Amino acid sequence: MIRILKLSVVCAAMFLLSGCTSEVTLSVPDMMCEESCAVKVREVLSKQEGVQSVKVDFPSRTATLAVRESNFSTEQAIAALVDHGFDEAALKTAVAPPTVSSSASATSDASPTAVPKAAAGD
């Protein structure tokens, strides 16, 4: 358990130092064709500040972006899509990066889901 916690703390620290990357999914329901519309959506979103990668899924009419939270603006990304004729573009989901609890200790053997013995059989 200690080894897992240490690994988790190291991974979380590396993640935080990398610029806090989050995933944002935009709905683009007025994307009508895969050949040019999907390509244009990818092009427009790739130029937005803070965007690290863009994956456009034409069948679901969505674009999923990996972004640096520190300098990405969902509102500006949507405005850029609207400026290019995708008037119904909107935020579908935003997934925040995992957070590290300041109370978690790398040397603790306690499981976060452990039930105290006194409460377990009552």
Protein backbone atom coordinates (compact mmCIF):
# COMPACT_ATOMS: atom_id res chain seq x y z
CA MET A 1 0.00 0.00 0.00
CA ILE A 2 2.84 2.39 0.86
CA ARG A 3 4.42 1.72 -2.53
CA ILE A 4 1.16 2.54 -4.34
CA LEU A 5 0.74 5.78 -2.40
CA LYS A 6 4.32 6.83 -3.14
CA LEU A 7 3.81 6.09 -6.83
CA SER A 8 0.53 8.04 -6.81
CA VAL A 9 2.18 11.06 -5.18
CA VAL A 10 5.05 10.96 -7.70
CA CYS A 11 2.62 10.67 -10.64
CA ALA A 12 0.45 13.48 -9.31
CA ALA A 13 3.49 15.72 -8.83
CA MET A 14 4.67 15.03 -12.39
CA PHE A 15 1.15 15.74 -13.65
CA LEU A 16 0.98 19.04 -11.80
CA LEU A 17 4.41 20.10 -13.03
CA SER A 18 3.42 19.34 -16.62
CA GLY A 19 0.95 22.25 -16.66
CA CYS A 20 -2.29 20.76 -15.38
CA THR A 21 -3.66 19.18 -18.51
CA SER A 22 -7.42 18.70 -18.61
CA GLU A 23 -9.80 17.23 -21.13
CA VAL A 24 -12.60 19.33 -22.60
CA THR A 25 -15.28 18.01 -24.94
CA LEU A 26 -17.19 20.40 -27.15
CA SER A 27 -20.43 19.59 -28.88
CA VAL A 28 -20.50 20.78 -32.51
CA PRO A 29 -23.95 19.64 -33.74
CA ASP A 30 -23.83 21.76 -36.88
CA MET A 31 -20.73 19.95 -38.19
CA MET A 32 -22.34 18.55 -41.35
CA CYS A 33 -19.55 16.83 -43.29
CA GLU A 34 -16.52 14.81 -42.33
CA GLU A 35 -14.33 15.92 -45.22
CA SER A 36 -14.32 19.68 -44.67
CA CYS A 37 -16.31 20.55 -41.52
CA ALA A 38 -14.49 18.12 -39.24
CA VAL A 39 -11.15 19.25 -40.68
CA LYS A 40 -12.10 22.92 -40.12
CA VAL A 41 -13.17 22.24 -36.51
CA ARG A 42 -9.82 20.54 -35.84
CA GLU A 43 -7.95 23.42 -37.51
CA VAL A 44 -9.81 26.16 -35.60
CA LEU A 45 -9.45 24.45 -32.22
CA SER A 46 -5.80 23.55 -32.74
CA LYS A 47 -4.99 27.26 -33.07
CA GLN A 48 -6.50 28.13 -29.68
CA GLU A 49 -4.08 29.02 -26.90
CA GLY A 50 -3.48 26.18 -24.47
CA VAL A 51 -4.69 23.40 -26.78
CA GLN A 52 -2.29 20.46 -26.83
CA SER A 53 -4.31 18.08 -29.00
CA VAL A 54 -7.69 17.85 -30.72
CA LYS A 55 -9.68 14.74 -31.60
CA VAL A 56 -12.76 15.32 -33.73
CA ASP A 57 -15.41 12.58 -33.73
CA PHE A 58 -17.69 13.31 -36.66
CA PRO A 59 -20.36 10.63 -35.93
CA SER A 60 -20.95 12.04 -32.42
CA ARG A 61 -20.42 15.66 -33.58
CA THR A 62 -17.89 16.29 -30.81
CA ALA A 63 -14.34 17.57 -30.44
CA THR A 64 -12.26 16.44 -27.48
CA LEU A 65 -9.33 18.63 -26.53
CA ALA A 66 -6.39 18.10 -24.21
CA VAL A 67 -5.72 21.57 -22.82
CA ARG A 68 -3.48 23.37 -20.37
CA GLU A 69 -5.84 24.91 -17.85
CA SER A 70 -3.55 27.84 -17.17
CA ASN A 71 -4.01 29.42 -20.58
CA PHE A 72 -7.06 27.83 -22.25
CA SER A 73 -10.44 29.54 -22.51
CA THR A 74 -13.48 27.42 -23.34
CA GLU A 75 -15.41 30.60 -24.17
CA GLN A 76 -12.77 31.72 -26.69
CA ALA A 77 -12.66 28.27 -28.30
CA ILE A 78 -16.45 28.24 -28.70
CA ALA A 79 -16.39 31.83 -30.02
CA ALA A 80 -13.78 30.79 -32.61
CA LEU A 81 -16.03 27.96 -33.78
CA VAL A 82 -19.02 30.31 -33.96
CA ASP A 83 -16.90 32.75 -36.01
CA HIS A 84 -16.35 29.93 -38.51
CA GLY A 85 -20.06 29.10 -38.86
CA PHE A 86 -20.50 26.49 -36.14
CA ASP A 87 -23.17 28.53 -34.35
CA GLU A 88 -24.40 25.73 -32.08
CA ALA A 89 -20.98 24.84 -30.62
CA ALA A 90 -21.13 24.39 -26.85
CA LEU A 91 -19.31 22.83 -23.92
CA LYS A 92 -20.29 19.21 -23.52
CA THR A 93 -17.95 18.11 -20.69
CA ALA A 94 -14.86 19.25 -18.90
CA VAL A 95 -12.78 16.78 -16.93
CA ALA A 96 -10.51 18.34 -14.32
CA PRO A 97 -7.18 16.77 -13.49
CA PRO A 98 -6.96 14.65 -10.34
CA THR A 99 -6.06 16.54 -7.21
CA VAL A 100 -3.68 15.57 -4.45
CA SER A 101 -5.09 15.85 -0.96
CA SER A 102 -2.81 17.76 1.39
CA SER A 103 -3.86 15.43 4.20
CA ALA A 104 -2.73 12.29 2.36
CA SER A 105 0.53 10.88 3.62
CA ALA A 106 2.95 8.84 1.52
CA THR A 107 3.72 6.65 4.53
CA SER A 108 0.17 5.90 5.60
CA ASP A 109 -1.19 2.35 5.47
CA ALA A 110 -4.78 3.54 5.83
CA SER A 111 -7.10 2.79 2.94
CA PRO A 112 -9.43 5.65 1.97
CA THR A 113 -12.35 3.20 1.82
CA ALA A 114 -11.59 1.35 5.06
CA VAL A 115 -14.48 1.01 7.48
CA PRO A 116 -13.61 1.27 11.20
CA LYS A 117 -14.17 -2.05 13.00
CA ALA A 118 -16.56 -0.48 15.50
CA ALA A 119 -18.91 0.65 12.71
CA ALA A 120 -18.58 -2.44 10.51
CA GLY A 121 -20.78 -4.89 12.41
CA ASP A 122 -23.18 -2.59 14.26
